[in-house]
Structures are given as structure tokens and as C-alpha cells.
Amino acid sequence: MAPALLGVTGGFVGGRLSSPPPVHAQVRPGVIPLQRAISAAPVEARGFVLMDEHGLKRGELGFNGRGQPTLRFFDESGKVVWTGGAVTPLPLAQR
């Protein structure tokens, strides 16, 4: 029994010593950690804007002039590079 107990104990200690510590994401000031942000209630809005790290608008989820839902992506200069929505996406030449 003693060799088995010693083997189990040695395996446990060796496993713990060889395992790296867990890594946790850093939370920036003003950012709500995901586990606190998730709720059972839906989030409702008329639109959402996706901003890059420089504060430039890079995406937008909202409604077009006819009230249809749309999704648009922008390049660094603010030009629309992709549009999609309830209707067939428009080719770049027609935007």
C-alpha cells in the first residue's frame, strides 16, 4: 500500500509542479469583464458602431433609409468597403 500511495502522491506533486499557472486576460479600465457583461436580458439598440483602437469607425450595424437592417464595414479613411443587409449587397461600384 505504501508504494501505491507514494506513487499517487508523487504523480500529483509532479503534475502540479510541471503545470504552468493559469493565464488571465488583463482588463482595461472602463471595460466590463465578459462574465459580468453576459446577462439573460437582450441588448436593444437602434444601431451599433465598431471602433478601432484609434477611435475610427470601422463597422456599423443599423438601418438604412428604408428601415432595413444593414451591416457596413469601413476602411481607415472612412470609405465603405462592404455593405450587406436584408437585400442583396451592393457591388462597390454602386455605393
C-alpha atoms as a PDB file:
ATOM      1  CA  MET A   1       0.000   0.000   0.000  1.00  0.00           C
ATOM      2  CA  ALA A   2       2.819   2.400   0.835  1.00  0.00           C
ATOM      3  CA  PRO A   3       4.395   2.192  -2.674  1.00  0.00           C
ATOM      4  CA  ALA A   4       1.000   2.881  -4.280  1.00  0.00           C
ATOM      5  CA  LEU A   5       0.362   5.862  -2.012  1.00  0.00           C
ATOM      6  CA  LEU A   6       3.856   7.157  -2.688  1.00  0.00           C
ATOM      7  CA  GLY A   7       3.300   6.761  -6.447  1.00  0.00           C
ATOM      8  CA  VAL A   8      -0.022   8.625  -6.389  1.00  0.00           C
ATOM      9  CA  THR A   9       1.399  11.381  -4.207  1.00  0.00           C
ATOM     10  CA  GLY A  10       4.494  11.713  -6.396  1.00  0.00           C
ATOM     11  CA  GLY A  11       2.375  11.865  -9.540  1.00  0.00           C
ATOM     12  CA  PHE A  12       0.158  14.569  -8.059  1.00  0.00           C
ATOM     13  CA  VAL A  13       3.080  16.694  -6.862  1.00  0.00           C
ATOM     14  CA  GLY A  14       4.985  16.235 -10.132  1.00  0.00           C
ATOM     15  CA  GLY A  15       1.915  17.166 -12.164  1.00  0.00           C
ATOM     16  CA  ARG A  16       1.307  20.313 -10.140  1.00  0.00           C
ATOM     17  CA  LEU A  17       4.941  21.401 -10.357  1.00  0.00           C
ATOM     18  CA  SER A  18       5.150  20.865 -14.120  1.00  0.00           C
ATOM     19  CA  SER A  19       1.854  22.619 -14.967  1.00  0.00           C
ATOM     20  CA  PRO A  20       2.128  26.305 -15.853  1.00  0.00           C
ATOM     21  CA  PRO A  21      -0.007  28.690 -13.823  1.00  0.00           C
ATOM     22  CA  PRO A  22      -3.308  29.752 -15.418  1.00  0.00           C
ATOM     23  CA  VAL A  23      -3.212  32.859 -17.606  1.00  0.00           C
ATOM     24  CA  HIS A  24      -5.847  35.566 -17.126  1.00  0.00           C
ATOM     25  CA  ALA A  25      -6.702  38.305 -19.594  1.00  0.00           C
ATOM     26  CA  GLN A  26      -5.942  41.827 -18.455  1.00  0.00           C
ATOM     27  CA  VAL A  27      -8.946  44.066 -18.005  1.00  0.00           C
ATOM     28  CA  ARG A  28      -8.540  47.614 -19.279  1.00  0.00           C
ATOM     29  CA  PRO A  29     -10.125  50.477 -17.326  1.00  0.00           C
ATOM     30  CA  GLY A  30     -13.701  51.027 -18.439  1.00  0.00           C
ATOM     31  CA  VAL A  31     -14.049  47.546 -19.956  1.00  0.00           C
ATOM     32  CA  ILE A  32     -16.590  45.236 -18.340  1.00  0.00           C
ATOM     33  CA  PRO A  33     -15.276  41.670 -17.898  1.00  0.00           C
ATOM     34  CA  LEU A  34     -17.218  39.206 -20.055  1.00  0.00           C
ATOM     35  CA  GLN A  35     -18.596  37.194 -17.137  1.00  0.00           C
ATOM     36  CA  ARG A  36     -20.191  40.379 -15.758  1.00  0.00           C
ATOM     37  CA  ALA A  37     -21.380  41.599 -19.176  1.00  0.00           C
ATOM     38  CA  ILE A  38     -23.406  38.485 -20.008  1.00  0.00           C
ATOM     39  CA  SER A  39     -26.995  38.685 -18.867  1.00  0.00           C
ATOM     40  CA  ALA A  40     -30.268  36.964 -19.639  1.00  0.00           C
ATOM     41  CA  ALA A  41     -31.830  40.226 -20.837  1.00  0.00           C
ATOM     42  CA  PRO A  42     -31.366  41.094 -24.532  1.00  0.00           C
ATOM     43  CA  VAL A  43     -29.448  44.205 -25.523  1.00  0.00           C
ATOM     44  CA  GLU A  44     -31.579  46.538 -27.606  1.00  0.00           C
ATOM     45  CA  ALA A  45     -30.425  49.479 -29.681  1.00  0.00           C
ATOM     46  CA  ARG A  46     -31.117  51.242 -32.961  1.00  0.00           C
ATOM     47  CA  GLY A  47     -27.533  50.693 -34.011  1.00  0.00           C
ATOM     48  CA  PHE A  48     -24.036  49.659 -33.002  1.00  0.00           C
ATOM     49  CA  VAL A  49     -20.722  51.185 -34.078  1.00  0.00           C
ATOM     50  CA  LEU A  50     -17.436  49.246 -34.163  1.00  0.00           C
ATOM     51  CA  MET A  51     -14.433  51.469 -33.384  1.00  0.00           C
ATOM     52  CA  ASP A  52     -10.758  50.572 -33.795  1.00  0.00           C
ATOM     53  CA  GLU A  53      -8.011  51.315 -31.273  1.00  0.00           C
ATOM     54  CA  HIS A  54      -7.550  54.801 -32.798  1.00  0.00           C
ATOM     55  CA  GLY A  55     -11.205  55.783 -32.370  1.00  0.00           C
ATOM     56  CA  LEU A  56     -12.042  55.391 -36.070  1.00  0.00           C
ATOM     57  CA  LYS A  57     -15.378  53.919 -37.103  1.00  0.00           C
ATOM     58  CA  ARG A  58     -14.665  50.573 -38.783  1.00  0.00           C
ATOM     59  CA  GLY A  59     -18.101  48.938 -38.719  1.00  0.00           C
ATOM     60  CA  GLU A  60     -21.750  49.789 -38.251  1.00  0.00           C
ATOM     61  CA  LEU A  61     -24.867  47.716 -37.628  1.00  0.00           C
ATOM     62  CA  GLY A  62     -28.070  49.684 -38.058  1.00  0.00           C
ATOM     63  CA  PHE A  63     -30.832  50.523 -40.517  1.00  0.00           C
ATOM     64  CA  ASN A  64     -30.773  52.089 -43.968  1.00  0.00           C
ATOM     65  CA  GLY A  65     -33.098  54.879 -45.155  1.00  0.00           C
ATOM     66  CA  ARG A  66     -35.852  52.347 -45.931  1.00  0.00           C
ATOM     67  CA  GLY A  67     -35.760  50.861 -42.427  1.00  0.00           C
ATOM     68  CA  GLN A  68     -33.992  47.654 -43.486  1.00  0.00           C
ATOM     69  CA  PRO A  69     -31.216  46.266 -41.262  1.00  0.00           C
ATOM     70  CA  THR A  70     -27.722  46.795 -42.660  1.00  0.00           C
ATOM     71  CA  LEU A  71     -24.140  45.945 -41.801  1.00  0.00           C
ATOM     72  CA  ARG A  72     -21.324  48.115 -43.176  1.00  0.00           C
ATOM     73  CA  PHE A  73     -17.532  47.967 -42.866  1.00  0.00           C
ATOM     74  CA  PHE A  74     -15.207  50.943 -43.399  1.00  0.00           C
ATOM     75  CA  ASP A  75     -11.512  51.308 -44.286  1.00  0.00           C
ATOM     76  CA  GLU A  76      -9.067  53.557 -42.407  1.00  0.00           C
ATOM     77  CA  SER A  77     -10.201  56.618 -44.389  1.00  0.00           C
ATOM     78  CA  GLY A  78     -13.889  56.097 -43.565  1.00  0.00           C
ATOM     79  CA  LYS A  79     -14.857  54.770 -47.009  1.00  0.00           C
ATOM     80  CA  VAL A  80     -17.434  51.943 -47.087  1.00  0.00           C
ATOM     81  CA  VAL A  81     -15.686  48.741 -48.207  1.00  0.00           C
ATOM     82  CA  TRP A  82     -18.547  46.273 -47.688  1.00  0.00           C
ATOM     83  CA  THR A  83     -22.301  46.560 -47.200  1.00  0.00           C
ATOM     84  CA  GLY A  84     -24.842  43.848 -46.516  1.00  0.00           C
ATOM     85  CA  GLY A  85     -28.385  43.737 -45.299  1.00  0.00           C
ATOM     86  CA  ALA A  86     -31.916  42.498 -45.872  1.00  0.00           C
ATOM     87  CA  VAL A  87     -31.441  42.885 -49.611  1.00  0.00           C
ATOM     88  CA  THR A  88     -28.637  41.708 -51.896  1.00  0.00           C
ATOM     89  CA  PRO A  89     -25.355  43.516 -51.050  1.00  0.00           C
ATOM     90  CA  LEU A  90     -24.482  46.314 -53.482  1.00  0.00           C
ATOM     91  CA  PRO A  91     -21.319  45.999 -55.597  1.00  0.00           C
ATOM     92  CA  LEU A  92     -18.651  48.563 -54.689  1.00  0.00           C
ATOM     93  CA  ALA A  93     -19.238  50.485 -57.939  1.00  0.00           C
ATOM     94  CA  GLN A  94     -22.882  51.176 -56.980  1.00  0.00           C
ATOM     95  CA  ARG A  95     -22.247  52.588 -53.482  1.00  0.00           C
END
